[in-house]
Every structure is written in structure tokens, then in C-alpha cells.
Protein backbone atom coordinates (compact mmCIF):
# COMPACT_ATOMS: atom_id res chain seq x y z
CA MET A 1 -108.30 5.53 127.83
CA SER A 2 -107.81 6.62 131.41
CA LEU A 3 -109.31 9.82 132.80
CA ALA A 4 -105.94 10.91 134.19
CA SER A 5 -104.98 13.17 131.27
CA PRO A 6 -108.40 14.76 130.61
CA LEU A 7 -108.85 15.42 134.31
CA LYS A 8 -105.72 17.58 134.43
CA ALA A 9 -107.21 19.85 131.80
CA ILE A 10 -110.71 19.64 133.22
CA LYS A 11 -109.67 20.87 136.66
CA LEU A 12 -108.39 24.10 135.19
CA ALA A 13 -111.89 24.86 133.96
CA VAL A 14 -114.00 23.54 136.85
CA PHE A 15 -113.89 26.54 139.21
CA GLY A 16 -111.66 29.36 140.37
CA GLN A 17 -109.11 28.76 143.10
CA ALA A 18 -111.36 29.89 145.93
CA LYS A 19 -114.18 27.60 144.86
CA LEU A 20 -111.79 24.69 144.40
CA MET A 21 -110.70 25.15 148.00
CA GLN A 22 -114.33 24.95 149.12
CA ILE A 23 -114.82 21.78 147.09
CA ALA A 24 -111.65 20.29 148.55
CA CYS A 25 -112.92 20.99 152.07
CA TYR A 26 -116.30 19.51 151.23
CA ALA A 27 -114.65 16.44 149.72
CA ALA A 28 -112.58 16.03 152.85
CA LEU A 29 -115.72 15.99 154.98
CA ILE A 30 -117.45 13.51 152.72
CA PHE A 31 -114.64 11.13 151.93
CA GLY A 32 -112.25 11.57 154.83
CA ALA A 33 -109.28 12.95 152.88
CA MET A 34 -108.33 16.00 150.88
CA GLY A 35 -108.63 15.29 147.17
CA LEU A 36 -110.03 12.31 145.36
CA SER A 37 -108.45 9.75 143.06
CA SER A 38 -109.62 9.69 139.44
CA THR A 39 -109.76 5.88 139.55
CA VAL A 40 -111.41 3.38 141.88
CA ASN A 41 -109.00 1.86 144.40
CA ALA A 42 -109.36 -0.79 147.02
CA ALA A 43 -110.89 1.66 149.49
CA ASP A 44 -113.54 2.81 147.01
CA GLU A 45 -116.77 1.03 146.18
CA ALA A 46 -116.97 -0.28 142.62
CA LEU A 47 -120.19 0.30 140.73
CA PRO A 48 -122.78 -2.42 141.47
CA LYS A 49 -124.05 -4.31 138.45
CA GLU A 50 -127.57 -2.88 138.65
CA TYR A 51 -126.26 0.63 137.97
CA ILE A 52 -124.00 -0.24 135.04
CA PRO A 53 -126.75 0.10 132.37
CA LEU A 54 -127.63 3.59 133.69
CA VAL A 55 -124.04 4.80 133.40
CA GLN A 56 -123.48 3.03 130.08
CA GLY A 57 -126.51 4.82 128.65
CA LEU A 58 -124.95 8.19 129.46
CA ILE A 59 -121.58 7.12 128.07
CA ASP A 60 -123.26 5.97 124.84
CA ALA A 61 -125.14 9.26 124.51
CA ALA A 62 -121.87 11.16 124.92
CA LYS A 63 -120.09 8.92 122.39
CA ALA A 64 -122.90 9.60 119.91
CA ASN A 65 -122.65 13.33 120.74
CA ASP A 66 -126.43 13.24 121.14
CA PRO A 67 -127.64 16.33 123.07
CA GLU A 68 -131.25 15.15 123.06
CA ALA A 69 -130.35 11.86 124.75
CA ILE A 70 -128.17 13.64 127.32
CA VAL A 71 -130.85 16.24 128.11
CA LYS A 72 -133.32 13.45 128.87
CA ARG A 73 -130.94 12.16 131.53
CA LEU A 74 -130.88 15.33 133.63
CA ALA A 75 -132.79 16.04 136.84
CA TYR A 76 -134.09 19.58 137.32
CA PRO A 77 -133.43 22.13 138.57
CA LEU A 78 -129.75 21.76 137.69
CA LYS A 79 -127.79 24.19 139.82
CA ARG A 80 -124.95 26.21 138.31
CA GLU A 81 -122.28 28.17 140.12
CA TYR A 82 -123.81 31.33 141.60
CA PRO A 83 -124.71 33.85 140.25
CA ILE A 84 -125.47 31.80 137.11
CA PRO A 85 -129.14 30.85 137.36
CA ALA A 86 -130.15 27.22 137.75
CA ILE A 87 -131.53 25.38 134.73
CA GLN A 88 -135.16 24.73 135.55
CA ASN A 89 -136.42 22.37 132.85
CA THR A 90 -135.74 20.54 129.59
CA GLN A 91 -136.49 23.57 127.44
CA GLU A 92 -133.92 25.69 129.29
CA MET A 93 -131.39 22.88 129.09
CA VAL A 94 -131.79 22.60 125.33
CA ALA A 95 -131.24 26.35 124.98
CA ARG A 96 -128.19 26.31 127.27
CA PHE A 97 -126.78 22.91 126.34
CA GLU A 98 -123.53 24.14 124.79
CA GLN A 99 -123.06 26.51 127.72
CA VAL A 100 -122.90 23.51 130.07
CA PHE A 101 -121.67 20.63 127.88
CA ASP A 102 -118.70 21.60 125.75
CA SER A 103 -116.62 19.14 123.71
CA GLN A 104 -114.20 18.61 126.60
CA LEU A 105 -116.91 17.50 129.03
CA ILE A 106 -118.60 15.30 126.46
CA GLU A 107 -115.23 13.71 125.66
CA LEU A 108 -114.58 13.14 129.36
CA ILE A 109 -117.87 11.25 129.71
CA ALA A 110 -117.51 9.40 126.39
CA ASN A 111 -114.00 8.15 127.20
CA SER A 112 -114.76 7.14 130.77
CA LYS A 113 -114.58 3.50 131.81
CA ILE A 114 -117.25 2.11 134.08
CA ASP A 115 -114.86 -0.11 136.04
CA ALA A 116 -112.17 2.54 136.48
CA ASP A 117 -113.82 5.97 136.49
CA TRP A 118 -117.28 5.58 138.01
CA GLN A 119 -118.07 4.67 141.58
CA ILE A 120 -121.00 4.52 143.95
CA MET A 121 -120.85 6.98 146.84
CA GLY A 122 -123.59 5.50 148.99
CA TRP A 123 -126.81 7.50 149.24
CA ARG A 124 -125.11 10.49 147.57
CA GLY A 125 -125.22 8.79 144.18
CA ILE A 126 -122.81 7.78 141.43
CA MET A 127 -119.70 9.85 140.76
CA LEU A 128 -117.53 10.26 137.69
CA GLY A 129 -113.83 10.86 138.33
CA SER A 130 -113.30 13.42 141.08
CA GLY A 131 -116.92 14.56 141.02
CA GLU A 132 -117.14 16.26 137.63
CA VAL A 133 -120.50 14.54 137.08
CA TRP A 134 -122.92 13.06 139.62
CA LEU A 135 -125.89 10.78 138.94
CA ASP A 136 -128.65 9.81 141.33
CA LEU A 137 -129.46 6.14 141.83
CA ASP A 138 -132.02 6.33 139.02
CA GLY A 139 -129.32 7.39 136.59
CA LYS A 140 -130.32 11.05 136.34
CA ILE A 141 -127.59 13.71 136.25
CA ILE A 142 -127.99 15.73 139.45
CA ALA A 143 -124.78 17.78 139.42
CA ILE A 144 -122.12 18.94 136.98
CA ASN A 145 -119.08 20.34 138.76
CA TYR A 146 -117.48 21.61 135.60
CA GLN A 147 -117.53 25.08 134.12
CA THR A 148 -117.11 25.73 130.41
CA PRO A 149 -115.39 28.88 129.16
CA ALA A 150 -118.86 30.12 128.10
CA GLU A 151 -120.15 29.76 131.67
CA ALA A 152 -117.02 31.36 133.10
CA LYS A 153 -117.60 34.36 130.84
CA LEU A 154 -121.29 34.54 131.82
CA LYS A 155 -120.39 34.36 135.51
CA ALA A 156 -117.93 37.24 135.15
CA GLU A 157 -120.54 39.34 133.33
CA LEU A 158 -123.17 38.65 135.99
CA ILE A 159 -120.78 39.54 138.81
CA ALA A 160 -119.81 42.79 137.07
CA LYS A 161 -123.51 43.62 136.71
CA GLN A 162 -124.10 42.91 140.41
CA LYS A 163 -121.24 45.19 141.42
CA THR A 164 -122.64 48.13 139.46
CA GLY A 165 -125.98 47.74 141.27
CA LEU A 166 -124.56 47.65 144.79
CA HIS A 167 -123.78 50.48 147.18
CA PRO A 168 -120.08 51.41 146.79
CA SER A 169 -119.35 50.30 150.36
CA VAL A 170 -120.06 46.67 149.41
CA SER A 171 -119.35 46.63 145.69
CA GLU A 172 -115.92 45.01 145.95
CA PHE A 173 -115.56 41.26 146.52
CA VAL A 174 -114.01 38.16 144.99
CA SER A 175 -117.23 36.30 144.30
CA PRO A 176 -120.84 36.36 145.50
CA GLU A 177 -122.07 33.45 147.62
CA LEU A 178 -125.78 34.17 148.10
CA THR A 179 -128.51 36.78 147.95
CA TRP A 180 -131.52 36.03 150.15
CA GLU A 181 -134.82 37.57 151.10
CA THR A 182 -136.44 36.77 154.44
CA ALA A 183 -139.61 38.23 155.92
CA LYS A 184 -137.72 41.32 157.13
CA PHE A 185 -134.35 41.46 155.37
CA THR A 186 -132.44 41.25 152.13
CA ILE A 187 -129.09 39.58 152.76
CA ARG A 188 -125.91 39.18 150.76
CA VAL A 189 -122.90 37.05 151.60
CA ASP A 190 -119.76 37.61 149.54
CA ASN A 191 -116.43 35.81 149.43
CA MET A 192 -113.73 38.36 150.19
CA GLY A 193 -110.80 35.99 149.61
CA ASN A 194 -108.47 34.28 152.08
CA SER A 195 -111.37 32.16 153.38
CA GLN A 196 -113.16 35.22 154.73
CA TYR A 197 -116.74 36.29 154.04
CA ARG A 198 -118.80 39.46 154.36
CA TYR A 199 -122.43 39.75 155.46
CA ALA A 200 -124.52 42.73 154.37
CA ALA A 201 -128.19 43.24 155.24
CA TRP A 202 -130.87 45.73 154.23
CA ALA A 203 -134.36 46.18 155.64
CA LYS A 204 -136.92 44.54 153.37
CA GLY A 205 -137.90 46.85 150.54
CA LYS A 206 -134.66 48.82 150.43
CA SER A 207 -132.60 48.85 147.26
CA LEU A 208 -129.21 47.18 147.32
CA SER A 209 -127.85 50.40 145.83
CA GLU A 210 -128.52 52.01 149.24
CA LYS A 211 -126.07 51.74 152.10
CA PRO A 212 -126.59 48.46 154.01
CA ASP A 213 -128.08 48.65 157.49
CA LEU A 214 -125.52 46.13 158.74
CA VAL A 215 -122.17 44.92 157.44
CA LEU A 216 -120.14 42.19 159.16
CA ASN A 217 -116.70 41.10 158.03
CA LYS A 218 -114.36 38.18 158.67
CA GLY A 219 -117.08 35.56 158.52
CA LYS A 220 -116.31 31.87 158.08
CA LEU A 221 -117.74 28.95 156.13
CA VAL A 222 -118.73 25.91 158.20
CA PHE A 223 -119.88 22.59 156.71
CA ASP A 224 -122.49 20.51 158.51
CA GLY A 225 -121.91 16.81 157.98
CA SER A 226 -121.46 15.15 154.60
CA GLY A 227 -124.69 16.15 152.87
CA GLY A 228 -123.47 19.54 151.68
CA ASN A 229 -125.45 21.66 154.13
CA HIS A 230 -123.29 24.52 155.39
CA SER A 231 -123.44 27.92 157.01
CA PHE A 232 -121.76 31.30 156.84
CA GLN A 233 -121.11 32.51 160.38
CA PHE A 234 -120.41 36.06 161.55
CA ARG A 235 -119.85 37.68 164.93
CA SER A 236 -120.47 41.20 166.26
CA GLY A 237 -119.74 41.50 169.95
CA SER A 238 -122.17 39.24 171.81
CA TYR A 239 -124.21 38.65 168.63
CA GLN A 240 -123.74 35.87 166.11
CA TYR A 241 -125.36 35.79 162.65
CA HIS A 242 -125.58 32.41 160.94
CA CYS A 243 -126.81 31.91 157.38
CA TYR A 244 -127.68 28.20 157.14
CA VAL A 245 -127.72 26.96 153.54
CA THR A 246 -129.84 23.89 152.82
CA VAL A 247 -128.39 21.59 150.16
CA LEU A 248 -129.85 18.33 151.39
CA GLY A 249 -133.33 18.73 152.85
CA THR A 250 -136.95 17.67 152.44
CA SER A 251 -139.21 18.81 149.62
CA ASP A 252 -140.62 21.59 151.80
CA SER A 253 -137.30 22.78 153.23
CA PRO A 254 -136.55 26.47 152.58
CA PRO A 255 -133.33 27.31 150.71
CA GLY A 256 -131.90 28.43 154.02
CA GLU A 257 -132.41 30.23 157.32
CA LEU A 258 -131.05 33.31 159.02
CA VAL A 259 -130.51 32.66 162.74
CA VAL A 260 -129.27 35.33 165.13
CA TYR A 261 -127.88 34.53 168.58
CA LYS A 262 -127.07 36.75 171.55
CA ASN A 263 -124.71 35.26 174.08
CA ASP A 264 -125.30 31.91 172.34
CA GLU A 265 -129.07 32.16 172.84
CA GLU A 266 -131.25 32.20 169.73
CA ILE A 267 -133.17 35.47 169.43
CA LEU A 268 -134.24 35.44 165.76
CA LYS A 269 -134.90 32.83 163.11
CA GLN A 270 -136.22 33.65 159.64
CA ALA A 271 -136.64 31.26 156.73
CA VAL A 272 -135.46 32.30 153.30
CA ILE A 273 -138.45 33.04 151.06
CA LYS A 274 -136.44 33.90 147.96
CA ALA A 275 -132.92 32.95 146.93
CA ASP A 276 -131.23 34.19 143.78
């Protein structure tokens, strides 16, 4: 059974339109073209023999509908679409299993064919289909780019809760991108739609229900290479505010950095000490 039919249904549940556009842009940077085929073609790299048992083990666990076996194959923390909190360990994964793995995702994995639906993407790992599931080279699940209806509902509830806790001047947005704390600031970046972003900052210690000390609009999202690292960039006169998000870094890399420039000269750099 090919993945072509399940993937059509899957894509409706993966993310909202704005997030799909971000993923498409990211895919373009990684793979050199917008969109990805759901099967391996001549330009793709078939799965080397040494990785086949790792993938087959996951397929078998899905065919057996064995949550315990699947949970053992996950790497933690497993990030979920913000503002849904990441899954930190096995115990959390067991409790949230059906929130992440519904019957449609399990069927997608169970019906996948190693020679047609899985491929090696170099150092990035092993990919199912168009990136619905990613494994590292040890066979651990490192990313699930699929959102169940249960997660979609939870995301909507969390966003609604965020909006009620924000100052009215910044309580309207399409979706939140990040909330950071640095040594001196609390920072939010929100997606305002139409590929535009808003930056809001409060002095450390202030409540987000208070009016922000600084709001910048019409920011842009910029990807840095193929590892997933990216930044949200904003301008105010001669000043530029860049929020650098670390996706691929070392074990001691902070989640991100705030860097401020004046006339293209760096005048402030603060590491993120807490990221929601």
C-alpha cells in the first residue's frame, strides 16, 4: 500500500496553513525544492541496509498497535507545536500517547514500505514520507510533524488562555511563535499572518498583562542554512532586533539569543535563559 492516499488526509491534520508555509520554506532550504515527494525517486537516497532493521522495528510496533514498544523508540524531549509543551520523558509520553499517536498516524507508519516511503537525509536522519516522522541514525524518533485533532484542540485552548493573560494591545494574533526570558527582558514573538511577525518586550519582572515596553511590527522569518536554525528579525529606524532560535546546536547551546544592532553594529546580546 502506497503512502499517497494516507498522506493526502494526513496533510490536512499536520499544521495550519501558516505553519505549512513555514515547513515548505524550510523544506526548500533543506532539499532544494518546494515540497517533497512521498516516494523515493532517483534523486533521493534509498535507505542503507544497516538502517532497515531500525525502521522495520518501528513499523512492526505500529502494526502490532503496541504503544509500549513505540514509546521506547522515542528520543526526549519530543517537541510539539508551540504553545503545546514538549514531552520530556517516557512517563509523559505514556500519559500523552493518544494525544500524539492517533489511529491515522499509526496506520501511516504501519502501512509504510521501507523501499518506497523511507529515506536517509544525510546527517539529519531518516524521514518517513514528506517528513511526518523523523528518526535519528540510532532509530529513535526525534520529530513528529503531525498534529492529531486532540493536539489541535489543546493548542487552540492554550492560545486562548495566552490571549486572556496578555495586555489588550498585543492580545490579537494568528499564532504564538515564542516566549523568552533573558537576563533583562521577557519577549514574545507572534505570527500576525501574511508572513509578518510582531515583537513585544517587557522589562524583566513585569507581567505580560501590562503594556509592553516595546512593540515592533512587520518582522520577518529568516532561516539559517539547512539545520533548522532561524531568526525573527525586526527593524525600528536605525535599530534591528533579531531573535535567533537554536534548533541545531551543542548540548550547552541556549534555546536562542536576542541580538540588537544599531546601524548594523551589535550593541546588545543576551542568551535566552527560559523558553516556554
